[in-house]
Amino acid sequence: MRGNGLFGVGFRSLLRREILRFVRRPRNTFLPPAITNVLYFAVFGVILGRRIEDVAGFDYIVFLLPGLVVLGAISNAFENASFSIFHGRWNEYIHEVLTSPLSYISMVLAYIFAAAIRGIAVGLIIVAIGLVFTPVPIEEPLYLAAFMVVVPLLFASLGVVGGLLATDFDDLTVMNQFILRPLVFFGAVFYSLSILPPLYRTLSLLNPMVYMVNGVRFGFLGYQEVDPLASLAVLSGLTAAVIALDAYLFKRGYGLLD
């Protein structure tokens, strides 16, 4: 019988292993997004930002920052979970986790929490970089904290699914670079929905990234284009549903016992 509690010793050991996996390699996990976002702030925020009028009453570089935080957080959360699961499958050491006394929900939560922590850490790094270029207001700290927890958790749980579906390492790159990033770039990271024609604004509302970017932007700036409370409720429910799916897939051994 699988046991020792949902957050028992086994869970904490697996969580620690997964956190140490990226903490011990900061040049691979934290340096690339730091450099990338320095370039984003320098090019889009400073060079182009001087030529762009205020967006929704904010300097462009300030309006840009929440979107970049979301982009960095979700990309790293998804990448960490998907790579960790797939790498464990590829080298077959994930079998050691499967044969442990951990419950399946404890297993997936350890992978998800570790990946979400990486996403949150990268988000904080991006905020710190933004502070070098401009003051960063925080108008709604509770909303900001809630979205900065829920959004990385959601993409970490989606990363578990990605890691189970992938058949090779190229699949992981395709998921991150050609599915997630385009959705984020068309998710109002670099622009306000208010500047779009009605048809494109309506189509943009079909993109779930819009609600995540809007929620984090509301936390920083107090500016909203969609209801942040409704967005948070839907994202929280979706996160719980995907976590339940992860546990079900682990229990079924989907992609794990090939």
C-alpha atoms as a PDB file:
ATOM      1  CA  MET A   1       0.000   0.000   0.000  1.00  0.00           C
ATOM      2  CA  ARG A   2       1.342   3.399  -1.011  1.00  0.00           C
ATOM      3  CA  GLY A   3       1.634   5.701   1.950  1.00  0.00           C
ATOM      4  CA  ASN A   4       3.697   7.883   4.313  1.00  0.00           C
ATOM      5  CA  GLY A   5       1.333  10.832   3.807  1.00  0.00           C
ATOM      6  CA  LEU A   6       0.697  13.227   0.961  1.00  0.00           C
ATOM      7  CA  PHE A   7       3.613  15.458   1.952  1.00  0.00           C
ATOM      8  CA  GLY A   8       5.640  12.905   3.861  1.00  0.00           C
ATOM      9  CA  VAL A   9       9.332  12.047   3.732  1.00  0.00           C
ATOM     10  CA  GLY A  10       9.116  10.476   0.292  1.00  0.00           C
ATOM     11  CA  PHE A  11       7.414  13.532  -1.192  1.00  0.00           C
ATOM     12  CA  ARG A  12       9.940  15.882   0.390  1.00  0.00           C
ATOM     13  CA  SER A  13      12.860  13.761  -0.841  1.00  0.00           C
ATOM     14  CA  LEU A  14      11.595  13.740  -4.428  1.00  0.00           C
ATOM     15  CA  LEU A  15      10.815  17.450  -4.265  1.00  0.00           C
ATOM     16  CA  ARG A  16      14.306  18.186  -2.959  1.00  0.00           C
ATOM     17  CA  ARG A  17      15.903  16.105  -5.708  1.00  0.00           C
ATOM     18  CA  GLU A  18      13.923  17.926  -8.387  1.00  0.00           C
ATOM     19  CA  ILE A  19      14.768  21.359  -6.970  1.00  0.00           C
ATOM     20  CA  LEU A  20      18.458  20.541  -6.661  1.00  0.00           C
ATOM     21  CA  ARG A  21      18.443  19.345 -10.256  1.00  0.00           C
ATOM     22  CA  PHE A  22      18.028  22.915 -11.533  1.00  0.00           C
ATOM     23  CA  VAL A  23      19.510  24.855  -8.607  1.00  0.00           C
ATOM     24  CA  ARG A  24      22.869  23.149  -9.062  1.00  0.00           C
ATOM     25  CA  ARG A  25      23.031  24.264 -12.695  1.00  0.00           C
ATOM     26  CA  PRO A  26      22.234  27.991 -12.551  1.00  0.00           C
ATOM     27  CA  ARG A  27      24.107  28.703 -15.785  1.00  0.00           C
ATOM     28  CA  ASN A  28      21.652  26.453 -17.600  1.00  0.00           C
ATOM     29  CA  THR A  29      18.475  27.380 -15.752  1.00  0.00           C
ATOM     30  CA  PHE A  30      18.719  30.995 -14.592  1.00  0.00           C
ATOM     31  CA  LEU A  31      21.337  32.689 -16.771  1.00  0.00           C
ATOM     32  CA  PRO A  32      19.629  32.189 -20.182  1.00  0.00           C
ATOM     33  CA  PRO A  33      16.280  33.776 -19.180  1.00  0.00           C
ATOM     34  CA  ALA A  34      18.173  36.579 -17.425  1.00  0.00           C
ATOM     35  CA  ILE A  35      20.138  37.413 -20.571  1.00  0.00           C
ATOM     36  CA  THR A  36      17.063  37.073 -22.788  1.00  0.00           C
ATOM     37  CA  ASN A  37      15.069  39.473 -20.645  1.00  0.00           C
ATOM     38  CA  VAL A  38      17.869  42.019 -20.467  1.00  0.00           C
ATOM     39  CA  LEU A  39      17.623  42.070 -24.272  1.00  0.00           C
ATOM     40  CA  TYR A  40      13.824  42.338 -24.159  1.00  0.00           C
ATOM     41  CA  PHE A  41      13.948  45.287 -21.779  1.00  0.00           C
ATOM     42  CA  ALA A  42      16.796  46.974 -23.636  1.00  0.00           C
ATOM     43  CA  VAL A  43      15.310  46.616 -27.127  1.00  0.00           C
ATOM     44  CA  PHE A  44      11.550  46.720 -26.579  1.00  0.00           C
ATOM     45  CA  GLY A  45      11.468  48.700 -23.366  1.00  0.00           C
ATOM     46  CA  VAL A  46      14.211  51.289 -23.812  1.00  0.00           C
ATOM     47  CA  ILE A  47      15.036  51.639 -27.510  1.00  0.00           C
ATOM     48  CA  LEU A  48      11.568  51.087 -28.995  1.00  0.00           C
ATOM     49  CA  GLY A  49       9.746  52.182 -25.851  1.00  0.00           C
ATOM     50  CA  ARG A  50      10.950  55.756 -26.303  1.00  0.00           C
ATOM     51  CA  ARG A  51       9.159  55.854 -29.661  1.00  0.00           C
ATOM     52  CA  ILE A  52       5.923  54.294 -28.408  1.00  0.00           C
ATOM     53  CA  GLU A  53       3.254  56.375 -26.751  1.00  0.00           C
ATOM     54  CA  ASP A  54       1.997  55.453 -23.316  1.00  0.00           C
ATOM     55  CA  VAL A  55      -0.043  52.253 -23.279  1.00  0.00           C
ATOM     56  CA  ALA A  56      -3.184  52.491 -21.133  1.00  0.00           C
ATOM     57  CA  GLY A  57      -1.555  55.403 -19.319  1.00  0.00           C
ATOM     58  CA  PHE A  58       1.688  53.559 -18.495  1.00  0.00           C
ATOM     59  CA  ASP A  59       5.183  53.842 -19.907  1.00  0.00           C
ATOM     60  CA  TYR A  60       5.630  51.032 -22.400  1.00  0.00           C
ATOM     61  CA  ILE A  61       8.468  49.400 -20.456  1.00  0.00           C
ATOM     62  CA  VAL A  62       6.268  49.265 -17.327  1.00  0.00           C
ATOM     63  CA  PHE A  63       3.332  47.854 -19.301  1.00  0.00           C
ATOM     64  CA  LEU A  64       5.661  45.264 -20.861  1.00  0.00           C
ATOM     65  CA  LEU A  65       7.110  43.877 -17.636  1.00  0.00           C
ATOM     66  CA  PRO A  66       4.154  41.734 -16.411  1.00  0.00           C
ATOM     67  CA  GLY A  67       3.941  39.960 -19.760  1.00  0.00           C
ATOM     68  CA  LEU A  68       7.631  39.139 -19.710  1.00  0.00           C
ATOM     69  CA  VAL A  69       7.264  37.791 -16.177  1.00  0.00           C
ATOM     70  CA  VAL A  70       4.479  35.473 -17.340  1.00  0.00           C
ATOM     71  CA  LEU A  71       6.461  34.377 -20.390  1.00  0.00           C
ATOM     72  CA  GLY A  72       9.518  33.483 -18.322  1.00  0.00           C
ATOM     73  CA  ALA A  73       7.565  31.795 -15.525  1.00  0.00           C
ATOM     74  CA  ILE A  74       5.406  29.533 -17.676  1.00  0.00           C
ATOM     75  CA  SER A  75       8.174  28.591 -20.105  1.00  0.00           C
ATOM     76  CA  ASN A  76      10.484  27.505 -17.315  1.00  0.00           C
ATOM     77  CA  ALA A  77       7.780  25.737 -15.313  1.00  0.00           C
ATOM     78  CA  PHE A  78       6.653  23.766 -18.363  1.00  0.00           C
ATOM     79  CA  GLU A  79      10.204  23.024 -19.501  1.00  0.00           C
ATOM     80  CA  ASN A  80      11.339  21.820 -16.081  1.00  0.00           C
ATOM     81  CA  ALA A  81       8.443  19.399 -15.565  1.00  0.00           C
ATOM     82  CA  SER A  82       8.370  18.056 -19.121  1.00  0.00           C
ATOM     83  CA  PHE A  83      12.136  17.558 -19.311  1.00  0.00           C
ATOM     84  CA  SER A  84      12.353  15.941 -15.879  1.00  0.00           C
ATOM     85  CA  ILE A  85       9.577  13.450 -16.669  1.00  0.00           C
ATOM     86  CA  PHE A  86      10.887  12.656 -20.133  1.00  0.00           C
ATOM     87  CA  HIS A  87      14.508  12.388 -18.992  1.00  0.00           C
ATOM     88  CA  GLY A  88      13.427   9.987 -16.248  1.00  0.00           C
ATOM     89  CA  ARG A  89      11.568   7.911 -18.849  1.00  0.00           C
ATOM     90  CA  TRP A  90      14.464   8.054 -21.300  1.00  0.00           C
ATOM     91  CA  ASN A  91      17.023   6.851 -18.757  1.00  0.00           C
ATOM     92  CA  GLU A  92      14.505   4.618 -16.939  1.00  0.00           C
ATOM     93  CA  TYR A  93      15.260   5.959 -13.463  1.00  0.00           C
ATOM     94  CA  ILE A  94      11.652   7.112 -13.100  1.00  0.00           C
ATOM     95  CA  HIS A  95      10.900   3.442 -12.350  1.00  0.00           C
ATOM     96  CA  GLU A  96      12.530   3.969  -8.957  1.00  0.00           C
ATOM     97  CA  VAL A  97       9.918   6.613  -8.196  1.00  0.00           C
ATOM     98  CA  LEU A  98       7.084   4.405  -9.442  1.00  0.00           C
ATOM     99  CA  THR A  99       8.128   1.516  -7.184  1.00  0.00           C
ATOM    100  CA  SER A 100       8.427   3.729  -4.105  1.00  0.00           C
ATOM    101  CA  PRO A 101       5.684   3.803  -1.425  1.00  0.00           C
ATOM    102  CA  LEU A 102       4.646   7.281  -2.591  1.00  0.00           C
ATOM    103  CA  SER A 103       1.050   7.803  -3.703  1.00  0.00           C
ATOM    104  CA  TYR A 104       0.640   8.851  -7.309  1.00  0.00           C
ATOM    105  CA  ILE A 105      -0.638  12.268  -6.319  1.00  0.00           C
ATOM    106  CA  SER A 106       2.453  12.780  -4.122  1.00  0.00           C
ATOM    107  CA  MET A 107       4.681  11.872  -7.067  1.00  0.00           C
ATOM    108  CA  VAL A 108       3.128  14.328  -9.483  1.00  0.00           C
ATOM    109  CA  LEU A 109       2.914  17.086  -6.860  1.00  0.00           C
ATOM    110  CA  ALA A 110       6.642  16.781  -6.191  1.00  0.00           C
ATOM    111  CA  TYR A 111       7.418  17.219  -9.901  1.00  0.00           C
ATOM    112  CA  ILE A 112       4.865  20.013 -10.257  1.00  0.00           C
ATOM    113  CA  PHE A 113       5.908  21.968  -7.164  1.00  0.00           C
ATOM    114  CA  ALA A 114       9.590  21.812  -8.126  1.00  0.00           C
ATOM    115  CA  ALA A 115       8.847  23.039 -11.651  1.00  0.00           C
ATOM    116  CA  ALA A 116       6.566  25.792 -10.348  1.00  0.00           C
ATOM    117  CA  ILE A 117       9.290  26.944  -7.942  1.00  0.00           C
ATOM    118  CA  ARG A 118      11.657  27.265 -10.888  1.00  0.00           C
ATOM    119  CA  GLY A 119       9.025  29.264 -12.782  1.00  0.00           C
ATOM    120  CA  ILE A 120       8.439  31.579  -9.828  1.00  0.00           C
ATOM    121  CA  ALA A 121      12.194  32.027  -9.342  1.00  0.00           C
ATOM    122  CA  VAL A 122      12.639  33.016 -12.987  1.00  0.00           C
ATOM    123  CA  GLY A 123       9.697  35.404 -12.673  1.00  0.00           C
ATOM    124  CA  LEU A 124      11.380  37.080  -9.696  1.00  0.00           C
ATOM    125  CA  ILE A 125      14.641  37.325 -11.640  1.00  0.00           C
ATOM    126  CA  ILE A 126      12.782  39.113 -14.438  1.00  0.00           C
ATOM    127  CA  VAL A 127      11.233  41.527 -11.945  1.00  0.00           C
ATOM    128  CA  ALA A 128      14.711  42.251 -10.558  1.00  0.00           C
ATOM    129  CA  ILE A 129      16.004  42.916 -14.077  1.00  0.00           C
ATOM    130  CA  GLY A 130      13.035  45.193 -14.714  1.00  0.00           C
ATOM    131  CA  LEU A 131      13.926  47.203 -11.617  1.00  0.00           C
ATOM    132  CA  VAL A 132      17.253  48.047 -13.240  1.00  0.00           C
ATOM    133  CA  PHE A 133      15.411  49.730 -16.107  1.00  0.00           C
ATOM    134  CA  THR A 134      12.362  51.245 -14.400  1.00  0.00           C
ATOM    135  CA  PRO A 135      10.487  51.435 -11.068  1.00  0.00           C
ATOM    136  CA  VAL A 136       8.074  48.511 -10.749  1.00  0.00           C
ATOM    137  CA  PRO A 137       4.789  49.262  -8.955  1.00  0.00           C
ATOM    138  CA  ILE A 138       2.798  46.573  -7.132  1.00  0.00           C
ATOM    139  CA  GLU A 139      -0.776  47.808  -6.817  1.00  0.00           C
ATOM    140  CA  GLU A 140      -2.533  44.533  -5.948  1.00  0.00           C
ATOM    141  CA  PRO A 141      -0.039  42.304  -4.092  1.00  0.00           C
ATOM    142  CA  LEU A 142      -2.554  39.594  -3.157  1.00  0.00           C
ATOM    143  CA  TYR A 143      -3.708  39.161  -6.733  1.00  0.00           C
ATOM    144  CA  LEU A 144      -0.119  39.219  -7.940  1.00  0.00           C
ATOM    145  CA  ALA A 145       0.935  36.522  -5.463  1.00  0.00           C
ATOM    146  CA  ALA A 146      -2.085  34.376  -6.349  1.00  0.00           C
ATOM    147  CA  PHE A 147      -1.499  34.547 -10.111  1.00  0.00           C
ATOM    148  CA  MET A 148       2.242  34.018  -9.682  1.00  0.00           C
ATOM    149  CA  VAL A 149       1.507  30.765  -7.866  1.00  0.00           C
ATOM    150  CA  VAL A 150      -1.402  29.457  -9.925  1.00  0.00           C
ATOM    151  CA  VAL A 151       0.025  30.162 -13.389  1.00  0.00           C
ATOM    152  CA  PRO A 152       3.369  28.340 -12.875  1.00  0.00           C
ATOM    153  CA  LEU A 153       1.515  25.480 -11.172  1.00  0.00           C
ATOM    154  CA  LEU A 154      -0.774  25.155 -14.187  1.00  0.00           C
ATOM    155  CA  PHE A 155       2.084  25.026 -16.668  1.00  0.00           C
ATOM    156  CA  ALA A 156       4.130  22.723 -14.489  1.00  0.00           C
ATOM    157  CA  SER A 157       1.191  20.307 -14.452  1.00  0.00           C
ATOM    158  CA  LEU A 158       0.846  20.665 -18.224  1.00  0.00           C
ATOM    159  CA  GLY A 159       4.574  19.971 -18.448  1.00  0.00           C
ATOM    160  CA  VAL A 160       4.015  16.594 -16.777  1.00  0.00           C
ATOM    161  CA  VAL A 161       1.544  15.740 -19.539  1.00  0.00           C
ATOM    162  CA  GLY A 162       4.047  16.943 -22.129  1.00  0.00           C
ATOM    163  CA  GLY A 163       6.787  14.808 -20.628  1.00  0.00           C
ATOM    164  CA  LEU A 164       4.543  11.734 -20.807  1.00  0.00           C
ATOM    165  CA  LEU A 165       3.450  12.424 -24.399  1.00  0.00           C
ATOM    166  CA  ALA A 166       6.919  13.194 -25.809  1.00  0.00           C
ATOM    167  CA  THR A 167       8.631  10.492 -27.842  1.00  0.00           C
ATOM    168  CA  ASP A 168      11.973  12.302 -28.164  1.00  0.00           C
ATOM    169  CA  PHE A 169      13.660  15.497 -27.007  1.00  0.00           C
ATOM    170  CA  ASP A 170      12.587  17.344 -30.146  1.00  0.00           C
ATOM    171  CA  ASP A 171       8.975  17.001 -29.052  1.00  0.00           C
ATOM    172  CA  LEU A 172       9.740  18.997 -25.917  1.00  0.00           C
ATOM    173  CA  THR A 173      11.257  21.805 -27.981  1.00  0.00           C
ATOM    174  CA  VAL A 174       8.266  21.842 -30.313  1.00  0.00           C
ATOM    175  CA  MET A 175       5.823  22.106 -27.405  1.00  0.00           C
ATOM    176  CA  ASN A 176       7.670  25.012 -25.792  1.00  0.00           C
ATOM    177  CA  GLN A 177       8.838  26.981 -28.819  1.00  0.00           C
ATOM    178  CA  PHE A 178       6.013  26.422 -31.283  1.00  0.00           C
ATOM    179  CA  ILE A 179       2.943  26.121 -29.034  1.00  0.00           C
ATOM    180  CA  LEU A 180       3.504  27.944 -25.741  1.00  0.00           C
ATOM    181  CA  ARG A 181       5.548  30.918 -26.889  1.00  0.00           C
ATOM    182  CA  PRO A 182       3.289  31.888 -29.836  1.00  0.00           C
ATOM    183  CA  LEU A 183       0.258  31.761 -27.537  1.00  0.00           C
ATOM    184  CA  VAL A 184       2.044  34.053 -25.081  1.00  0.00           C
ATOM    185  CA  PHE A 185       3.194  36.482 -27.764  1.00  0.00           C
ATOM    186  CA  PHE A 186      -0.423  36.751 -28.954  1.00  0.00           C
ATOM    187  CA  GLY A 187      -1.598  36.956 -25.345  1.00  0.00           C
ATOM    188  CA  ALA A 188      -1.249  40.750 -24.961  1.00  0.00           C
ATOM    189  CA  VAL A 189       2.324  40.660 -23.670  1.00  0.00           C
ATOM    190  CA  PHE A 190       3.509  43.449 -25.964  1.00  0.00           C
ATOM    191  CA  TYR A 191       0.244  45.324 -26.519  1.00  0.00           C
ATOM    192  CA  SER A 192      -3.080  46.240 -24.972  1.00  0.00           C
ATOM    193  CA  LEU A 193      -6.281  44.582 -26.152  1.00  0.00           C
ATOM    194  CA  SER A 194      -7.800  48.044 -26.378  1.00  0.00           C
ATOM    195  CA  ILE A 195      -5.771  48.865 -29.505  1.00  0.00           C
ATOM    196  CA  LEU A 196      -7.132  45.873 -31.415  1.00  0.00           C
ATOM    197  CA  PRO A 197     -10.103  46.007 -33.800  1.00  0.00           C
ATOM    198  CA  PRO A 198     -13.232  44.393 -32.280  1.00  0.00           C
ATOM    199  CA  LEU A 199     -12.870  41.140 -34.234  1.00  0.00           C
ATOM    200  CA  TYR A 200      -9.238  40.592 -33.211  1.00  0.00           C
ATOM    201  CA  ARG A 201     -10.015  41.539 -29.632  1.00  0.00           C
ATOM    202  CA  THR A 202     -12.769  38.914 -29.536  1.00  0.00           C
ATOM    203  CA  LEU A 203     -10.447  36.295 -31.040  1.00  0.00           C
ATOM    204  CA  SER A 204      -7.753  37.214 -28.517  1.00  0.00           C
ATOM    205  CA  LEU A 205     -10.146  36.419 -25.681  1.00  0.00           C
ATOM    206  CA  LEU A 206     -10.082  32.790 -26.847  1.00  0.00           C
ATOM    207  CA  ASN A 207      -6.388  32.679 -25.942  1.00  0.00           C
ATOM    208  CA  PRO A 208      -6.007  31.563 -22.282  1.00  0.00           C
ATOM    209  CA  MET A 209      -2.692  33.421 -22.037  1.00  0.00           C
ATOM    210  CA  VAL A 210      -4.586  36.715 -22.204  1.00  0.00           C
ATOM    211  CA  TYR A 211      -6.164  36.012 -18.816  1.00  0.00           C
ATOM    212  CA  MET A 212      -2.834  35.064 -17.232  1.00  0.00           C
ATOM    213  CA  VAL A 213      -1.016  38.132 -18.528  1.00  0.00           C
ATOM    214  CA  ASN A 214      -3.973  40.329 -17.558  1.00  0.00           C
ATOM    215  CA  GLY A 215      -4.016  38.869 -14.045  1.00  0.00           C
ATOM    216  CA  VAL A 216      -0.322  39.487 -13.421  1.00  0.00           C
ATOM    217  CA  ARG A 217      -0.572  42.937 -15.010  1.00  0.00           C
ATOM    218  CA  PHE A 218      -3.463  43.730 -12.681  1.00  0.00           C
ATOM    219  CA  GLY A 219      -1.309  42.681  -9.737  1.00  0.00           C
ATOM    220  CA  PHE A 220       1.499  45.000 -10.776  1.00  0.00           C
ATOM    221  CA  LEU A 221      -0.354  47.957 -12.267  1.00  0.00           C
ATOM    222  CA  GLY A 222      -3.938  47.677 -11.057  1.00  0.00           C
ATOM    223  CA  TYR A 223      -4.975  47.734 -14.733  1.00  0.00           C
ATOM    224  CA  GLN A 224      -7.433  45.177 -16.032  1.00  0.00           C
ATOM    225  CA  GLU A 225      -8.970  44.344 -19.390  1.00  0.00           C
ATOM    226  CA  VAL A 226     -10.783  41.215 -18.203  1.00  0.00           C
ATOM    227  CA  ASP A 227     -12.097  40.352 -14.744  1.00  0.00           C
ATOM    228  CA  PRO A 228      -9.063  39.136 -12.727  1.00  0.00           C
ATOM    229  CA  LEU A 229     -11.142  37.378 -10.077  1.00  0.00           C
ATOM    230  CA  ALA A 230     -13.007  35.298 -12.664  1.00  0.00           C
ATOM    231  CA  SER A 231      -9.710  34.570 -14.430  1.00  0.00           C
ATOM    232  CA  LEU A 232      -8.120  33.398 -11.183  1.00  0.00           C
ATOM    233  CA  ALA A 233     -11.070  31.141 -10.374  1.00  0.00           C
ATOM    234  CA  VAL A 234     -11.027  29.508 -13.826  1.00  0.00           C
ATOM    235  CA  LEU A 235      -7.236  29.066 -13.825  1.00  0.00           C
ATOM    236  CA  SER A 236      -7.335  27.548 -10.332  1.00  0.00           C
ATOM    237  CA  GLY A 237     -10.005  25.070 -11.388  1.00  0.00           C
ATOM    238  CA  LEU A 238      -8.083  24.193 -14.541  1.00  0.00           C
ATOM    239  CA  THR A 239      -4.904  23.653 -12.512  1.00  0.00           C
ATOM    240  CA  ALA A 240      -6.676  21.261 -10.156  1.00  0.00           C
ATOM    241  CA  ALA A 241      -8.125  19.379 -13.139  1.00  0.00           C
ATOM    242  CA  VAL A 242      -4.746  18.976 -14.864  1.00  0.00           C
ATOM    243  CA  ILE A 243      -3.097  17.826 -11.618  1.00  0.00           C
ATOM    244  CA  ALA A 244      -5.833  15.204 -11.275  1.00  0.00           C
ATOM    245  CA  LEU A 245      -5.153  14.151 -14.876  1.00  0.00           C
ATOM    246  CA  ASP A 246      -1.425  13.846 -14.113  1.00  0.00           C
ATOM    247  CA  ALA A 247      -2.127  11.571 -11.160  1.00  0.00           C
ATOM    248  CA  TYR A 248      -4.492   9.455 -13.275  1.00  0.00           C
ATOM    249  CA  LEU A 249      -1.892   9.083 -16.043  1.00  0.00           C
ATOM    250  CA  PHE A 250       0.744   8.051 -13.495  1.00  0.00           C
ATOM    251  CA  LYS A 251      -1.631   5.520 -11.997  1.00  0.00           C
ATOM    252  CA  ARG A 252      -2.361   4.094 -15.438  1.00  0.00           C
ATOM    253  CA  GLY A 253       1.364   4.048 -16.227  1.00  0.00           C
ATOM    254  CA  TYR A 254       0.759   6.051 -19.388  1.00  0.00           C
ATOM    255  CA  GLY A 255       4.097   6.563 -21.138  1.00  0.00           C
ATOM    256  CA  LEU A 256       5.925   5.253 -18.077  1.00  0.00           C
ATOM    257  CA  LEU A 257       5.950   1.506 -18.572  1.00  0.00           C
ATOM    258  CA  ASP A 258       6.958   1.277 -22.240  1.00  0.00           C
END
